[in-house]
């Protein structure tokens, strides 16, 4: 995978995510970014790793009440 450095809109386009959501995540420290002046730059590889760690695991099935009676 190519570790490109992207601006916010290029990253949003490649990941099919809203730019506003990506910016919010970057400002809140949820995804890594580099601030160059007033602009944000992103490593696609680093952002994908961060996003995969943000993904919640699937819910575990719970036993049904009264099951096994």
PDB file of N, CA and C in Angstrom:
ATOM      1  N   UNK A   1       0.844  -1.175   0.000  1.00  0.00           N
ATOM      2  CA  UNK A   1       0.000   0.000   0.000  1.00  0.00           C
ATOM      3  C   UNK A   1       0.888   1.236   0.000  1.00  0.00           C
ATOM      4  N   UNK A   2       0.535   2.194  -0.771  1.00  0.00           N
ATOM      5  CA  UNK A   2       1.301   3.423  -0.891  1.00  0.00           C
ATOM      6  C   UNK A   2       0.951   4.354   0.266  1.00  0.00           C
ATOM      7  N   UNK A   3       1.969   4.804   1.002  1.00  0.00           N
ATOM      8  CA  UNK A   3       1.743   5.696   2.131  1.00  0.00           C
ATOM      9  C   UNK A   3       1.801   7.142   1.657  1.00  0.00           C
ATOM     10  N   UNK A   4       0.723   7.583   1.043  1.00  0.00           N
ATOM     11  CA  UNK A   4       0.661   8.945   0.522  1.00  0.00           C
ATOM     12  C   UNK A   4       0.293   9.921   1.633  1.00  0.00           C
ATOM     13  N   UNK A   5       0.760  11.159   1.483  1.00  0.00           N
ATOM     14  CA  UNK A   5       0.334  12.246   2.352  1.00  0.00           C
ATOM     15  C   UNK A   5      -0.744  13.012   1.585  1.00  0.00           C
ATOM     16  N   UNK A   6      -1.910  13.122   2.208  1.00  0.00           N
ATOM     17  CA  UNK A   6      -3.077  13.692   1.531  1.00  0.00           C
ATOM     18  C   UNK A   6      -3.641  14.872   2.299  1.00  0.00           C
ATOM     19  N   UNK A   7      -4.299  15.775   1.570  1.00  0.00           N
ATOM     20  CA  UNK A   7      -5.040  16.822   2.253  1.00  0.00           C
ATOM     21  C   UNK A   7      -6.402  16.253   2.646  1.00  0.00           C
ATOM     22  N   UNK A   8      -7.174  17.035   3.362  1.00  0.00           N
ATOM     23  CA  UNK A   8      -8.450  16.570   3.897  1.00  0.00           C
ATOM     24  C   UNK A   8      -9.402  16.078   2.810  1.00  0.00           C
ATOM     25  N   UNK A   9      -9.523  16.839   1.734  1.00  0.00           N
ATOM     26  CA  UNK A   9     -10.504  16.480   0.701  1.00  0.00           C
ATOM     27  C   UNK A   9     -10.060  15.262  -0.110  1.00  0.00           C
ATOM     28  N   UNK A  10      -8.767  15.133  -0.352  1.00  0.00           N
ATOM     29  CA  UNK A  10      -8.275  13.950  -1.064  1.00  0.00           C
ATOM     30  C   UNK A  10      -8.466  12.699  -0.213  1.00  0.00           C
ATOM     31  N   UNK A  11      -8.199  12.814   1.085  1.00  0.00           N
ATOM     32  CA  UNK A  11      -8.406  11.674   1.979  1.00  0.00           C
ATOM     33  C   UNK A  11      -9.881  11.291   2.029  1.00  0.00           C
ATOM     34  N   UNK A  12     -10.740  12.278   2.150  1.00  0.00           N
ATOM     35  CA  UNK A  12     -12.182  12.009   2.197  1.00  0.00           C
ATOM     36  C   UNK A  12     -12.643  11.297   0.925  1.00  0.00           C
ATOM     37  N   UNK A  13     -12.139  11.736  -0.197  1.00  0.00           N
ATOM     38  CA  UNK A  13     -12.527  11.120  -1.467  1.00  0.00           C
ATOM     39  C   UNK A  13     -12.041   9.673  -1.538  1.00  0.00           C
ATOM     40  N   UNK A  14     -10.801   9.430  -1.131  1.00  0.00           N
ATOM     41  CA  UNK A  14     -10.251   8.065  -1.202  1.00  0.00           C
ATOM     42  C   UNK A  14     -10.934   7.117  -0.227  1.00  0.00           C
ATOM     43  N   UNK A  15     -11.315   7.622   0.949  1.00  0.00           N
ATOM     44  CA  UNK A  15     -11.925   6.757   1.963  1.00  0.00           C
ATOM     45  C   UNK A  15     -13.446   6.751   1.907  1.00  0.00           C
ATOM     46  N   UNK A  16     -14.016   7.591   1.026  1.00  0.00           N
ATOM     47  CA  UNK A  16     -15.476   7.689   0.897  1.00  0.00           C
ATOM     48  C   UNK A  16     -16.119   8.079   2.230  1.00  0.00           C
ATOM     49  N   UNK A  17     -15.512   9.098   2.867  1.00  0.00           N
ATOM     50  CA  UNK A  17     -16.019   9.613   4.132  1.00  0.00           C
ATOM     51  C   UNK A  17     -16.204  11.120   4.028  1.00  0.00           C
ATOM     52  N   UNK A  18     -17.123  11.692   4.800  1.00  0.00           N
ATOM     53  CA  UNK A  18     -17.333  13.144   4.742  1.00  0.00           C
ATOM     54  C   UNK A  18     -16.115  13.906   5.286  1.00  0.00           C
ATOM     55  N   UNK A  19     -15.667  14.940   4.595  1.00  0.00           N
ATOM     56  CA  UNK A  19     -14.531  15.728   5.075  1.00  0.00           C
ATOM     57  C   UNK A  19     -14.766  16.310   6.473  1.00  0.00           C
ATOM     58  N   UNK A  20     -15.981  16.752   6.753  1.00  0.00           N
ATOM     59  CA  UNK A  20     -16.273  17.340   8.066  1.00  0.00           C
ATOM     60  C   UNK A  20     -16.067  16.323   9.184  1.00  0.00           C
ATOM     61  N   UNK A  21     -16.463  15.079   8.945  1.00  0.00           N
ATOM     62  CA  UNK A  21     -16.283  14.039   9.957  1.00  0.00           C
ATOM     63  C   UNK A  21     -14.799  13.745  10.173  1.00  0.00           C
ATOM     64  N   UNK A  22     -14.038  13.649   9.082  1.00  0.00           N
ATOM     65  CA  UNK A  22     -12.596  13.411   9.211  1.00  0.00           C
ATOM     66  C   UNK A  22     -11.917  14.551   9.963  1.00  0.00           C
ATOM     67  N   UNK A  23     -12.299  15.781   9.649  1.00  0.00           N
ATOM     68  CA  UNK A  23     -11.707  16.937  10.326  1.00  0.00           C
ATOM     69  C   UNK A  23     -12.021  16.895  11.822  1.00  0.00           C
ATOM     70  N   UNK A  24     -13.252  16.576  12.162  1.00  0.00           N
ATOM     71  CA  UNK A  24     -13.649  16.475  13.571  1.00  0.00           C
ATOM     72  C   UNK A  24     -12.832  15.412  14.299  1.00  0.00           C
ATOM     73  N   UNK A  25     -12.656  14.263  13.651  1.00  0.00           N
ATOM     74  CA  UNK A  25     -11.881  13.189  14.267  1.00  0.00           C
ATOM     75  C   UNK A  25     -10.423  13.598  14.462  1.00  0.00           C
ATOM     76  N   UNK A  26      -9.873  14.315  13.486  1.00  0.00           N
ATOM     77  CA  UNK A  26      -8.483  14.774  13.586  1.00  0.00           C
ATOM     78  C   UNK A  26      -8.331  15.800  14.710  1.00  0.00           C
ATOM     79  N   UNK A  27      -9.248  16.755  14.786  1.00  0.00           N
ATOM     80  CA  UNK A  27      -9.182  17.789  15.821  1.00  0.00           C
ATOM     81  C   UNK A  27      -9.318  17.175  17.216  1.00  0.00           C
ATOM     82  N   UNK A  28     -10.142  16.144  17.334  1.00  0.00           N
ATOM     83  CA  UNK A  28     -10.346  15.472  18.619  1.00  0.00           C
ATOM     84  C   UNK A  28      -9.279  14.436  18.929  1.00  0.00           C
ATOM     85  N   UNK A  29      -8.293  14.277  18.042  1.00  0.00           N
ATOM     86  CA  UNK A  29      -7.197  13.358  18.296  1.00  0.00           C
ATOM     87  C   UNK A  29      -7.511  11.901  18.045  1.00  0.00           C
ATOM     88  N   UNK A  30      -8.611  11.616  17.366  1.00  0.00           N
ATOM     89  CA  UNK A  30      -8.997  10.222  17.096  1.00  0.00           C
ATOM     90  C   UNK A  30      -8.251   9.641  15.899  1.00  0.00           C
ATOM     91  N   UNK A  31      -7.872  10.500  14.955  1.00  0.00           N
ATOM     92  CA  UNK A  31      -7.062  10.054  13.820  1.00  0.00           C
ATOM     93  C   UNK A  31      -5.841  10.972  13.729  1.00  0.00           C
ATOM     94  N   UNK A  32      -4.703  10.417  13.335  1.00  0.00           N
ATOM     95  CA  UNK A  32      -3.483  11.223  13.276  1.00  0.00           C
ATOM     96  C   UNK A  32      -3.481  12.176  12.091  1.00  0.00           C
ATOM     97  N   UNK A  33      -2.926  13.351  12.333  1.00  0.00           N
ATOM     98  CA  UNK A  33      -2.786  14.326  11.260  1.00  0.00           C
ATOM     99  C   UNK A  33      -1.571  15.202  11.550  1.00  0.00           C
ATOM    100  N   UNK A  34      -1.157  15.900  10.543  1.00  0.00           N
ATOM    101  CA  UNK A  34      -0.078  16.866  10.651  1.00  0.00           C
ATOM    102  C   UNK A  34      -0.667  18.215  10.297  1.00  0.00           C
ATOM    103  N   UNK A  35      -0.488  19.188  11.170  1.00  0.00           N
ATOM    104  CA  UNK A  35      -1.006  20.518  10.892  1.00  0.00           C
ATOM    105  C   UNK A  35       0.120  21.344  10.270  1.00  0.00           C
ATOM    106  N   UNK A  36      -0.102  21.792   9.050  1.00  0.00           N
ATOM    107  CA  UNK A  36       0.858  22.613   8.321  1.00  0.00           C
ATOM    108  C   UNK A  36       0.212  23.988   8.164  1.00  0.00           C
ATOM    109  N   UNK A  37       0.631  24.930   8.997  1.00  0.00           N
ATOM    110  CA  UNK A  37      -0.055  26.215   9.026  1.00  0.00           C
ATOM    111  C   UNK A  37      -1.472  25.992   9.521  1.00  0.00           C
ATOM    112  N   UNK A  38      -2.445  26.382   8.726  1.00  0.00           N
ATOM    113  CA  UNK A  38      -3.854  26.169   9.076  1.00  0.00           C
ATOM    114  C   UNK A  38      -4.423  24.919   8.424  1.00  0.00           C
ATOM    115  N   UNK A  39      -3.615  24.216   7.676  1.00  0.00           N
ATOM    116  CA  UNK A  39      -4.111  23.070   6.907  1.00  0.00           C
ATOM    117  C   UNK A  39      -3.723  21.745   7.564  1.00  0.00           C
ATOM    118  N   UNK A  40      -4.572  20.747   7.351  1.00  0.00           N
ATOM    119  CA  UNK A  40      -4.314  19.408   7.870  1.00  0.00           C
ATOM    120  C   UNK A  40      -3.812  18.512   6.752  1.00  0.00           C
ATOM    121  N   UNK A  41      -2.844  17.675   7.072  1.00  0.00           N
ATOM    122  CA  UNK A  41      -2.335  16.665   6.146  1.00  0.00           C
ATOM    123  C   UNK A  41      -2.398  15.318   6.852  1.00  0.00           C
ATOM    124  N   UNK A  42      -2.632  14.283   6.068  1.00  0.00           N
ATOM    125  CA  UNK A  42      -2.864  12.959   6.623  1.00  0.00           C
ATOM    126  C   UNK A  42      -2.040  11.908   5.903  1.00  0.00           C
ATOM    127  N   UNK A  43      -1.564  10.925   6.660  1.00  0.00           N
ATOM    128  CA  UNK A  43      -0.974   9.716   6.097  1.00  0.00           C
ATOM    129  C   UNK A  43      -2.116   8.715   5.964  1.00  0.00           C
ATOM    130  N   UNK A  44      -2.379   8.271   4.750  1.00  0.00           N
ATOM    131  CA  UNK A  44      -3.505   7.354   4.545  1.00  0.00           C
ATOM    132  C   UNK A  44      -3.340   6.078   5.367  1.00  0.00           C
ATOM    133  N   UNK A  45      -2.129   5.518   5.396  1.00  0.00           N
ATOM    134  CA  UNK A  45      -1.884   4.288   6.145  1.00  0.00           C
ATOM    135  C   UNK A  45      -2.167   4.497   7.634  1.00  0.00           C
ATOM    136  N   UNK A  46      -1.669   5.604   8.193  1.00  0.00           N
ATOM    137  CA  UNK A  46      -1.875   5.878   9.622  1.00  0.00           C
ATOM    138  C   UNK A  46      -3.353   6.095   9.930  1.00  0.00           C
ATOM    139  N   UNK A  47      -4.059   6.790   9.053  1.00  0.00           N
ATOM    140  CA  UNK A  47      -5.483   7.039   9.278  1.00  0.00           C
ATOM    141  C   UNK A  47      -6.272   5.735   9.195  1.00  0.00           C
ATOM    142  N   UNK A  48      -5.951   4.882   8.235  1.00  0.00           N
ATOM    143  CA  UNK A  48      -6.665   3.606   8.121  1.00  0.00           C
ATOM    144  C   UNK A  48      -6.444   2.743   9.361  1.00  0.00           C
ATOM    145  N   UNK A  49      -5.228   2.747   9.899  1.00  0.00           N
ATOM    146  CA  UNK A  49      -4.965   1.990  11.134  1.00  0.00           C
ATOM    147  C   UNK A  49      -5.777   2.549  12.287  1.00  0.00           C
ATOM    148  N   UNK A  50      -5.815   3.876  12.396  1.00  0.00           N
ATOM    149  CA  UNK A  50      -6.572   4.506  13.475  1.00  0.00           C
ATOM    150  C   UNK A  50      -8.065   4.219  13.335  1.00  0.00           C
ATOM    151  N   UNK A  51      -8.578   4.284  12.122  1.00  0.00           N
ATOM    152  CA  UNK A  51      -9.996   4.016  11.906  1.00  0.00           C
ATOM    153  C   UNK A  51     -10.350   2.573  12.235  1.00  0.00           C
ATOM    154  N   UNK A  52      -9.456   1.653  11.915  1.00  0.00           N
ATOM    155  CA  UNK A  52      -9.753   0.249  12.225  1.00  0.00           C
ATOM    156  C   UNK A  52      -9.769   0.021  13.736  1.00  0.00           C
ATOM    157  N   UNK A  53      -8.958   0.775  14.485  1.00  0.00           N
ATOM    158  CA  UNK A  53      -8.986   0.626  15.942  1.00  0.00           C
ATOM    159  C   UNK A  53     -10.212   1.306  16.551  1.00  0.00           C
ATOM    160  N   UNK A  54     -10.797   2.284  15.840  1.00  0.00           N
ATOM    161  CA  UNK A  54     -12.022   2.938  16.320  1.00  0.00           C
ATOM    162  C   UNK A  54     -13.253   2.069  16.125  1.00  0.00           C
ATOM    163  N   UNK A  55     -13.186   1.170  15.168  1.00  0.00           N
ATOM    164  CA  UNK A  55     -14.344   0.328  14.857  1.00  0.00           C
ATOM    165  C   UNK A  55     -14.665  -0.540  16.071  1.00  0.00           C
ATOM    166  N   UNK A  56     -15.911  -0.548  16.448  1.00  0.00           N
ATOM    167  CA  UNK A  56     -16.303  -1.349  17.601  1.00  0.00           C
ATOM    168  C   UNK A  56     -16.479  -2.801  17.174  1.00  0.00           C
ATOM    169  N   UNK A  57     -16.128  -3.714  18.070  1.00  0.00           N
ATOM    170  CA  UNK A  57     -16.311  -5.134  17.730  1.00  0.00           C
ATOM    171  C   UNK A  57     -17.798  -5.455  17.652  1.00  0.00           C
ATOM    172  N   UNK A  58     -18.146  -6.477  16.901  1.00  0.00           N
ATOM    173  CA  UNK A  58     -19.562  -6.842  16.804  1.00  0.00           C
ATOM    174  C   UNK A  58     -20.102  -7.240  18.178  1.00  0.00           C
ATOM    175  N   UNK A  59     -21.351  -6.951  18.447  1.00  0.00           N
ATOM    176  CA  UNK A  59     -21.910  -7.296  19.763  1.00  0.00           C
ATOM    177  C   UNK A  59     -21.932  -8.803  19.973  1.00  0.00           C
ATOM    178  N   UNK A  60     -21.666  -9.190  21.204  1.00  0.00           N
ATOM    179  CA  UNK A  60     -21.685 -10.610  21.554  1.00  0.00           C
ATOM    180  C   UNK A  60     -23.121 -11.033  21.827  1.00  0.00           C
ATOM    181  N   UNK A  61     -23.506 -12.185  21.332  1.00  0.00           N
ATOM    182  CA  UNK A  61     -24.870 -12.648  21.612  1.00  0.00           C
ATOM    183  C   UNK A  61     -25.031 -12.916  23.107  1.00  0.00           C
ATOM    184  N   UNK A  62     -26.177 -12.566  23.629  1.00  0.00           N
ATOM    185  CA  UNK A  62     -26.456 -12.817  25.045  1.00  0.00           C
ATOM    186  C   UNK A  62     -27.446 -13.969  25.140  1.00  0.00           C
ATOM    187  N   UNK A  63     -27.295 -14.761  26.169  1.00  0.00           N
ATOM    188  CA  UNK A  63     -28.244 -15.880  26.323  1.00  0.00           C
ATOM    189  C   UNK A  63     -29.649 -15.340  26.538  1.00  0.00           C
ATOM    190  N   UNK A  64     -30.591 -16.007  25.946  1.00  0.00           N
ATOM    191  CA  UNK A  64     -31.995 -15.607  26.105  1.00  0.00           C
ATOM    192  C   UNK A  64     -32.465 -15.962  27.504  1.00  0.00           C
ATOM    193  N   UNK A  65     -33.246 -15.044  28.083  1.00  0.00           N
ATOM    194  CA  UNK A  65     -33.812 -15.331  29.401  1.00  0.00           C
ATOM    195  C   UNK A  65     -34.785 -16.501  29.289  1.00  0.00           C
ATOM    196  N   UNK A  66     -34.707 -17.384  30.233  1.00  0.00           N
ATOM    197  CA  UNK A  66     -35.603 -18.537  30.233  1.00  0.00           C
ATOM    198  C   UNK A  66     -35.123 -19.657  29.326  1.00  0.00           C
ATOM    199  N   UNK A  67     -34.003 -19.477  28.632  1.00  0.00           N
ATOM    200  CA  UNK A  67     -33.505 -20.535  27.761  1.00  0.00           C
ATOM    201  C   UNK A  67     -32.959 -21.660  28.632  1.00  0.00           C
ATOM    202  N   UNK A  68     -33.160 -22.852  28.223  1.00  0.00           N
ATOM    203  CA  UNK A  68     -32.635 -24.015  28.925  1.00  0.00           C
ATOM    204  C   UNK A  68     -33.534 -24.489  30.044  1.00  0.00           C
ATOM    205  N   UNK A  69     -34.704 -23.950  30.112  1.00  0.00           N
ATOM    206  CA  UNK A  69     -35.643 -24.411  31.159  1.00  0.00           C
ATOM    207  C   UNK A  69     -36.417 -25.587  30.668  1.00  0.00           C
TER     208      UNK A  69
END
